[in-house]
Amino acid sequence: MLPFIILTGCNVSTSAHPPAAVHAPSEGELPFSPVVRVGPTLYLSGQIGTTGMNPPTLASGGIDGETRQTMENIKSVLAKNGATMDDIVKCTVMMADMREWPAMNVVYASYFPKHKPARSAFAAAGLALGARVEIECLAYRP
């Protein structure tokens, strides 16, 4: 068996096995974990701007309200796992309508006053529950 190599900053370590994945419990009957930790990295599932779970309801206020609630949902997942927005290193933004990009960007940027994570974005033909935006993130928390 080849050793598993872990790159952390400037340090390289080897191990016979990769770090174990720790899955957060699913919320309700959803078929996925809201976050999975592998070593110091948190892989967050995509978040949309819902409030509550019974039933999940999209936040009001169009793209502004949905983006703000999406970011608050991301903050909540991070907080439950000992991390903050400052720990985010990469986000992927999926949007129902790229014409709303400027308005989404204003709200999104307000959540990163200290640093700007790497980011990718693309348009989607449809998002869960008819959402206007979905954002997934990677965070690094040693």
N, C-alpha and C. Protein backbone atom coordinates (compact mmCIF):
# COMPACT_ATOMS: atom_id res chain seq x y z
N MET A 1 0.84 -1.18 0.00
CA MET A 1 0.00 0.00 0.00
C MET A 1 0.89 1.24 0.00
N LEU A 2 0.57 2.19 -0.87
CA LEU A 2 1.31 3.44 -0.91
C LEU A 2 0.90 4.33 0.25
N PRO A 3 1.83 5.13 0.78
CA PRO A 3 1.47 6.02 1.89
C PRO A 3 0.57 7.15 1.40
N PHE A 4 -0.31 7.60 2.27
CA PHE A 4 -1.17 8.75 2.01
C PHE A 4 -0.37 9.99 2.38
N ILE A 5 -0.33 10.98 1.50
CA ILE A 5 0.45 12.19 1.77
C ILE A 5 -0.49 13.33 2.13
N ILE A 6 -0.18 14.01 3.22
CA ILE A 6 -0.98 15.14 3.67
C ILE A 6 -0.14 16.40 3.53
N LEU A 7 -0.65 17.39 2.79
CA LEU A 7 0.03 18.66 2.63
C LEU A 7 -0.64 19.67 3.54
N THR A 8 0.12 20.24 4.47
CA THR A 8 -0.41 21.25 5.38
C THR A 8 0.54 22.42 5.41
N GLY A 9 0.16 23.50 4.75
CA GLY A 9 1.06 24.64 4.69
C GLY A 9 2.33 24.23 3.99
N CYS A 10 3.46 24.37 4.67
CA CYS A 10 4.75 24.00 4.10
C CYS A 10 5.20 22.63 4.59
N ASN A 11 4.42 21.99 5.45
CA ASN A 11 4.80 20.71 6.01
C ASN A 11 4.18 19.58 5.22
N VAL A 12 4.91 18.49 5.07
CA VAL A 12 4.41 17.30 4.40
C VAL A 12 4.58 16.15 5.38
N SER A 13 3.50 15.40 5.56
CA SER A 13 3.61 14.22 6.40
C SER A 13 3.02 13.04 5.64
N THR A 14 3.44 11.85 5.99
CA THR A 14 2.90 10.66 5.34
C THR A 14 2.27 9.77 6.39
N SER A 15 1.31 9.02 5.93
CA SER A 15 0.61 8.10 6.81
C SER A 15 0.16 6.91 5.97
N ALA A 16 0.01 5.76 6.58
CA ALA A 16 -0.47 4.60 5.86
C ALA A 16 -1.94 4.74 5.51
N HIS A 17 -2.66 5.60 6.23
CA HIS A 17 -4.09 5.76 6.01
C HIS A 17 -4.46 7.23 6.02
N PRO A 18 -5.40 7.62 5.16
CA PRO A 18 -5.88 9.01 5.21
C PRO A 18 -6.64 9.25 6.51
N PRO A 19 -6.81 10.52 6.92
CA PRO A 19 -7.58 10.79 8.12
C PRO A 19 -9.02 10.33 7.94
N ALA A 20 -9.63 9.89 9.01
CA ALA A 20 -11.01 9.42 8.95
C ALA A 20 -11.96 10.59 8.71
N ALA A 21 -12.98 10.34 7.92
CA ALA A 21 -14.01 11.36 7.69
C ALA A 21 -15.01 11.32 8.83
N VAL A 22 -15.40 12.50 9.32
CA VAL A 22 -16.40 12.61 10.38
C VAL A 22 -17.61 13.31 9.77
N HIS A 23 -18.72 12.61 9.71
CA HIS A 23 -19.94 13.12 9.09
C HIS A 23 -20.87 13.69 10.15
N ALA A 24 -21.33 14.92 9.96
CA ALA A 24 -22.35 15.49 10.84
C ALA A 24 -23.66 14.78 10.53
N PRO A 25 -24.53 14.61 11.52
CA PRO A 25 -25.81 13.95 11.25
C PRO A 25 -26.67 14.78 10.29
N SER A 26 -27.41 14.07 9.43
CA SER A 26 -28.34 14.73 8.52
C SER A 26 -29.43 15.42 9.30
N GLU A 27 -29.94 16.51 8.73
CA GLU A 27 -31.05 17.22 9.35
C GLU A 27 -32.35 16.71 8.75
N GLY A 28 -33.26 16.28 9.60
CA GLY A 28 -34.52 15.72 9.09
C GLY A 28 -34.25 14.46 8.32
N GLU A 29 -34.90 14.34 7.17
CA GLU A 29 -34.74 13.14 6.35
C GLU A 29 -33.90 13.41 5.11
N LEU A 30 -33.11 14.48 5.12
CA LEU A 30 -32.29 14.82 3.96
C LEU A 30 -31.20 13.76 3.78
N PRO A 31 -30.91 13.36 2.53
CA PRO A 31 -29.97 12.27 2.28
C PRO A 31 -28.51 12.71 2.19
N PHE A 32 -28.09 13.67 3.01
CA PHE A 32 -26.70 14.12 3.00
C PHE A 32 -26.35 14.73 4.34
N SER A 33 -25.04 14.81 4.62
CA SER A 33 -24.54 15.47 5.82
C SER A 33 -24.36 16.95 5.52
N PRO A 34 -24.69 17.83 6.47
CA PRO A 34 -24.46 19.26 6.22
C PRO A 34 -22.98 19.60 6.15
N VAL A 35 -22.14 18.77 6.78
CA VAL A 35 -20.69 18.99 6.76
C VAL A 35 -19.99 17.67 7.03
N VAL A 36 -18.83 17.50 6.39
CA VAL A 36 -17.97 16.35 6.64
C VAL A 36 -16.58 16.90 6.93
N ARG A 37 -15.98 16.45 8.03
CA ARG A 37 -14.62 16.86 8.39
C ARG A 37 -13.67 15.73 8.04
N VAL A 38 -12.62 16.07 7.29
CA VAL A 38 -11.54 15.14 7.01
C VAL A 38 -10.27 15.86 7.44
N GLY A 39 -9.69 15.39 8.54
CA GLY A 39 -8.55 16.10 9.09
C GLY A 39 -8.95 17.52 9.44
N PRO A 40 -8.18 18.52 9.01
CA PRO A 40 -8.49 19.90 9.35
C PRO A 40 -9.45 20.58 8.35
N THR A 41 -9.94 19.83 7.37
CA THR A 41 -10.78 20.43 6.33
C THR A 41 -12.25 20.10 6.55
N LEU A 42 -13.09 21.14 6.47
CA LEU A 42 -14.54 20.98 6.55
C LEU A 42 -15.12 21.15 5.14
N TYR A 43 -15.87 20.17 4.70
CA TYR A 43 -16.55 20.20 3.40
C TYR A 43 -18.03 20.45 3.68
N LEU A 44 -18.49 21.65 3.41
CA LEU A 44 -19.89 21.99 3.66
C LEU A 44 -20.74 21.66 2.44
N SER A 45 -21.88 21.04 2.68
CA SER A 45 -22.85 20.84 1.60
C SER A 45 -23.37 22.20 1.18
N GLY A 46 -23.87 22.28 -0.04
CA GLY A 46 -24.45 23.52 -0.52
C GLY A 46 -25.58 23.98 0.39
N GLN A 47 -25.61 25.28 0.64
CA GLN A 47 -26.66 25.88 1.47
C GLN A 47 -27.50 26.80 0.59
N ILE A 48 -28.80 26.80 0.85
CA ILE A 48 -29.69 27.75 0.21
C ILE A 48 -30.32 28.61 1.31
N GLY A 49 -31.03 29.64 0.92
CA GLY A 49 -31.55 30.61 1.87
C GLY A 49 -32.84 30.20 2.54
N THR A 50 -32.86 29.05 3.19
CA THR A 50 -34.06 28.59 3.87
C THR A 50 -34.04 28.97 5.35
N THR A 51 -35.22 29.16 5.88
CA THR A 51 -35.41 29.38 7.31
C THR A 51 -36.26 28.23 7.81
N GLY A 52 -35.82 27.59 8.87
CA GLY A 52 -36.59 26.48 9.45
C GLY A 52 -36.55 25.24 8.58
N MET A 53 -37.03 24.15 9.13
CA MET A 53 -37.04 22.88 8.40
C MET A 53 -38.44 22.28 8.27
N ASN A 54 -39.42 22.80 8.95
CA ASN A 54 -40.76 22.19 8.94
C ASN A 54 -41.83 23.16 8.53
N PRO A 55 -42.10 23.40 7.31
CA PRO A 55 -41.31 22.99 6.14
C PRO A 55 -40.23 24.02 5.88
N PRO A 56 -39.20 23.66 5.11
CA PRO A 56 -38.18 24.66 4.77
C PRO A 56 -38.80 25.74 3.89
N THR A 57 -38.55 26.99 4.23
CA THR A 57 -39.12 28.12 3.52
C THR A 57 -38.00 29.04 3.08
N LEU A 58 -38.04 29.49 1.82
CA LEU A 58 -37.03 30.43 1.34
C LEU A 58 -37.24 31.79 1.97
N ALA A 59 -36.14 32.44 2.32
CA ALA A 59 -36.19 33.78 2.90
C ALA A 59 -36.81 34.75 1.89
N SER A 60 -37.50 35.75 2.41
CA SER A 60 -38.09 36.76 1.55
C SER A 60 -37.03 37.79 1.16
N GLY A 61 -37.34 38.63 0.21
CA GLY A 61 -36.41 39.70 -0.17
C GLY A 61 -35.62 39.41 -1.44
N GLY A 62 -36.06 38.42 -2.23
CA GLY A 62 -35.37 38.13 -3.49
C GLY A 62 -33.95 37.67 -3.28
N ILE A 63 -33.08 38.00 -4.23
CA ILE A 63 -31.70 37.54 -4.18
C ILE A 63 -30.97 38.07 -2.95
N ASP A 64 -31.26 39.31 -2.52
CA ASP A 64 -30.62 39.86 -1.31
C ASP A 64 -30.96 39.03 -0.08
N GLY A 65 -32.25 38.80 0.13
CA GLY A 65 -32.69 38.05 1.30
C GLY A 65 -32.22 36.61 1.28
N GLU A 66 -32.28 35.97 0.11
CA GLU A 66 -31.84 34.58 0.01
C GLU A 66 -30.33 34.47 0.21
N THR A 67 -29.56 35.39 -0.36
CA THR A 67 -28.10 35.33 -0.17
C THR A 67 -27.75 35.54 1.29
N ARG A 68 -28.38 36.52 1.93
CA ARG A 68 -28.10 36.78 3.35
C ARG A 68 -28.43 35.53 4.19
N GLN A 69 -29.57 34.91 3.95
CA GLN A 69 -29.94 33.73 4.72
C GLN A 69 -29.02 32.55 4.41
N THR A 70 -28.61 32.42 3.16
CA THR A 70 -27.65 31.38 2.78
C THR A 70 -26.36 31.54 3.57
N MET A 71 -25.86 32.76 3.63
CA MET A 71 -24.61 33.02 4.36
C MET A 71 -24.79 32.78 5.86
N GLU A 72 -25.94 33.13 6.41
CA GLU A 72 -26.22 32.86 7.82
C GLU A 72 -26.28 31.35 8.07
N ASN A 73 -26.84 30.60 7.13
CA ASN A 73 -26.88 29.15 7.27
C ASN A 73 -25.47 28.56 7.23
N ILE A 74 -24.61 29.10 6.39
CA ILE A 74 -23.21 28.66 6.34
C ILE A 74 -22.53 28.97 7.68
N LYS A 75 -22.73 30.18 8.19
CA LYS A 75 -22.16 30.55 9.51
C LYS A 75 -22.60 29.58 10.59
N SER A 76 -23.86 29.19 10.56
CA SER A 76 -24.41 28.27 11.56
C SER A 76 -23.75 26.90 11.49
N VAL A 77 -23.60 26.36 10.29
CA VAL A 77 -22.94 25.06 10.12
C VAL A 77 -21.50 25.14 10.63
N LEU A 78 -20.81 26.20 10.27
CA LEU A 78 -19.43 26.37 10.73
C LEU A 78 -19.36 26.45 12.26
N ALA A 79 -20.23 27.26 12.86
CA ALA A 79 -20.22 27.44 14.32
C ALA A 79 -20.44 26.11 15.04
N LYS A 80 -21.33 25.28 14.51
CA LYS A 80 -21.60 23.98 15.12
C LYS A 80 -20.39 23.06 15.06
N ASN A 81 -19.41 23.44 14.23
CA ASN A 81 -18.22 22.62 14.03
C ASN A 81 -16.93 23.35 14.42
N GLY A 82 -17.08 24.36 15.29
CA GLY A 82 -15.92 25.06 15.83
C GLY A 82 -15.17 25.93 14.84
N ALA A 83 -15.85 26.39 13.80
CA ALA A 83 -15.19 27.21 12.78
C ALA A 83 -15.96 28.51 12.57
N THR A 84 -15.35 29.43 11.83
CA THR A 84 -15.97 30.71 11.53
C THR A 84 -15.83 31.00 10.03
N MET A 85 -16.41 32.10 9.61
CA MET A 85 -16.29 32.53 8.22
C MET A 85 -14.84 32.80 7.85
N ASP A 86 -14.02 33.16 8.82
CA ASP A 86 -12.60 33.40 8.56
C ASP A 86 -11.86 32.13 8.16
N ASP A 87 -12.44 30.96 8.45
CA ASP A 87 -11.81 29.69 8.12
C ASP A 87 -12.13 29.22 6.70
N ILE A 88 -13.05 29.87 6.02
CA ILE A 88 -13.43 29.47 4.66
C ILE A 88 -12.30 29.81 3.69
N VAL A 89 -11.94 28.82 2.86
CA VAL A 89 -10.88 29.03 1.88
C VAL A 89 -11.40 28.97 0.44
N LYS A 90 -12.58 28.39 0.22
CA LYS A 90 -13.11 28.23 -1.14
C LYS A 90 -14.62 28.15 -1.08
N CYS A 91 -15.29 28.84 -2.00
CA CYS A 91 -16.74 28.74 -2.15
C CYS A 91 -17.09 28.48 -3.61
N THR A 92 -18.19 27.80 -3.81
CA THR A 92 -18.76 27.63 -5.13
C THR A 92 -20.18 28.17 -5.08
N VAL A 93 -20.49 29.11 -5.97
CA VAL A 93 -21.79 29.77 -6.01
C VAL A 93 -22.55 29.26 -7.23
N MET A 94 -23.76 28.80 -7.01
CA MET A 94 -24.66 28.39 -8.10
C MET A 94 -25.84 29.35 -8.10
N MET A 95 -26.15 29.90 -9.25
CA MET A 95 -27.22 30.89 -9.33
C MET A 95 -28.24 30.51 -10.38
N ALA A 96 -29.51 30.79 -10.09
CA ALA A 96 -30.58 30.54 -11.04
C ALA A 96 -30.56 31.56 -12.17
N ASP A 97 -30.08 32.77 -11.89
CA ASP A 97 -30.07 33.84 -12.88
C ASP A 97 -28.81 34.69 -12.69
N MET A 98 -27.86 34.59 -13.61
CA MET A 98 -26.60 35.31 -13.47
C MET A 98 -26.78 36.82 -13.56
N ARG A 99 -27.92 37.29 -14.00
CA ARG A 99 -28.17 38.74 -13.98
C ARG A 99 -28.26 39.27 -12.55
N GLU A 100 -28.45 38.39 -11.58
CA GLU A 100 -28.51 38.79 -10.17
C GLU A 100 -27.13 38.76 -9.51
N TRP A 101 -26.11 38.48 -10.29
CA TRP A 101 -24.73 38.40 -9.80
C TRP A 101 -24.31 39.63 -9.01
N PRO A 102 -24.50 40.86 -9.53
CA PRO A 102 -24.05 42.03 -8.77
C PRO A 102 -24.72 42.15 -7.39
N ALA A 103 -26.01 41.91 -7.31
CA ALA A 103 -26.72 42.01 -6.02
C ALA A 103 -26.25 40.91 -5.06
N MET A 104 -26.06 39.69 -5.57
CA MET A 104 -25.56 38.59 -4.73
C MET A 104 -24.17 38.94 -4.21
N ASN A 105 -23.32 39.49 -5.07
CA ASN A 105 -21.94 39.83 -4.69
C ASN A 105 -21.87 40.83 -3.55
N VAL A 106 -22.76 41.81 -3.53
CA VAL A 106 -22.77 42.82 -2.47
C VAL A 106 -22.99 42.14 -1.11
N VAL A 107 -23.99 41.27 -1.04
CA VAL A 107 -24.29 40.59 0.23
C VAL A 107 -23.16 39.61 0.57
N TYR A 108 -22.75 38.80 -0.39
CA TYR A 108 -21.68 37.81 -0.19
C TYR A 108 -20.42 38.48 0.37
N ALA A 109 -19.97 39.55 -0.27
CA ALA A 109 -18.73 40.22 0.13
C ALA A 109 -18.80 40.76 1.56
N SER A 110 -19.98 41.14 2.02
CA SER A 110 -20.11 41.68 3.38
C SER A 110 -19.79 40.64 4.45
N TYR A 111 -19.80 39.36 4.10
CA TYR A 111 -19.49 38.29 5.05
C TYR A 111 -18.00 37.97 5.11
N PHE A 112 -17.20 38.64 4.28
CA PHE A 112 -15.76 38.39 4.26
C PHE A 112 -14.99 39.70 4.35
N PRO A 113 -15.07 40.40 5.50
CA PRO A 113 -14.38 41.68 5.62
C PRO A 113 -12.85 41.55 5.73
N LYS A 114 -12.35 40.38 6.20
CA LYS A 114 -10.92 40.22 6.41
C LYS A 114 -10.20 39.60 5.21
N HIS A 115 -10.82 38.66 4.57
CA HIS A 115 -10.21 37.98 3.43
C HIS A 115 -11.29 37.56 2.45
N LYS A 116 -10.91 37.30 1.25
CA LYS A 116 -11.83 36.82 0.22
C LYS A 116 -11.42 35.39 -0.16
N PRO A 117 -12.28 34.42 0.10
CA PRO A 117 -11.95 33.05 -0.29
C PRO A 117 -11.86 32.92 -1.81
N ALA A 118 -11.16 31.90 -2.26
CA ALA A 118 -11.21 31.55 -3.68
C ALA A 118 -12.67 31.22 -3.99
N ARG A 119 -13.09 31.47 -5.24
CA ARG A 119 -14.51 31.25 -5.54
C ARG A 119 -14.70 30.90 -7.00
N SER A 120 -15.66 30.03 -7.25
CA SER A 120 -16.14 29.71 -8.58
C SER A 120 -17.63 29.97 -8.58
N ALA A 121 -18.18 30.24 -9.76
CA ALA A 121 -19.62 30.47 -9.85
C ALA A 121 -20.12 30.00 -11.21
N PHE A 122 -21.36 29.56 -11.24
CA PHE A 122 -21.97 29.18 -12.51
C PHE A 122 -23.48 29.27 -12.39
N ALA A 123 -24.13 29.36 -13.53
CA ALA A 123 -25.59 29.37 -13.59
C ALA A 123 -26.09 27.93 -13.56
N ALA A 124 -27.23 27.74 -12.95
CA ALA A 124 -27.87 26.42 -12.88
C ALA A 124 -29.28 26.52 -13.46
N ALA A 125 -29.72 25.48 -14.11
CA ALA A 125 -31.06 25.49 -14.69
C ALA A 125 -32.13 25.45 -13.62
N GLY A 126 -31.79 24.97 -12.44
CA GLY A 126 -32.74 24.91 -11.34
C GLY A 126 -32.03 24.53 -10.05
N LEU A 127 -32.48 25.11 -8.94
CA LEU A 127 -31.92 24.79 -7.63
C LEU A 127 -33.03 24.25 -6.74
N ALA A 128 -32.66 23.54 -5.70
CA ALA A 128 -33.63 22.95 -4.76
C ALA A 128 -34.61 24.01 -4.25
N LEU A 129 -35.86 23.64 -4.15
CA LEU A 129 -36.94 24.48 -3.63
C LEU A 129 -37.15 25.77 -4.42
N GLY A 130 -36.61 25.83 -5.64
CA GLY A 130 -36.75 27.04 -6.44
C GLY A 130 -35.87 28.18 -5.96
N ALA A 131 -34.80 27.86 -5.25
CA ALA A 131 -33.89 28.88 -4.72
C ALA A 131 -33.24 29.66 -5.85
N ARG A 132 -32.81 30.88 -5.55
CA ARG A 132 -32.13 31.75 -6.51
C ARG A 132 -30.61 31.58 -6.42
N VAL A 133 -30.13 31.10 -5.25
CA VAL A 133 -28.68 30.94 -5.04
C VAL A 133 -28.42 29.76 -4.11
N GLU A 134 -27.34 29.04 -4.37
CA GLU A 134 -26.85 27.99 -3.49
C GLU A 134 -25.33 28.17 -3.41
N ILE A 135 -24.79 28.03 -2.19
CA ILE A 135 -23.35 28.22 -1.99
C ILE A 135 -22.82 27.06 -1.16
N GLU A 136 -21.75 26.45 -1.67
CA GLU A 136 -21.04 25.42 -0.89
C GLU A 136 -19.65 25.93 -0.61
N CYS A 137 -19.08 25.51 0.52
CA CYS A 137 -17.78 26.04 0.95
C CYS A 137 -16.87 24.94 1.48
N LEU A 138 -15.58 25.24 1.43
CA LEU A 138 -14.56 24.44 2.09
C LEU A 138 -13.91 25.35 3.14
N ALA A 139 -13.72 24.80 4.32
CA ALA A 139 -13.06 25.56 5.38
C ALA A 139 -11.89 24.75 5.91
N TYR A 140 -10.87 25.44 6.35
CA TYR A 140 -9.69 24.80 6.91
C TYR A 140 -9.56 25.22 8.37
N ARG A 141 -9.65 24.25 9.26
CA ARG A 141 -9.63 24.50 10.70
C ARG A 141 -8.73 23.48 11.38
N PRO A 142 -7.40 23.79 11.49
CA PRO A 142 -6.49 22.81 12.11
C PRO A 142 -6.78 22.62 13.59
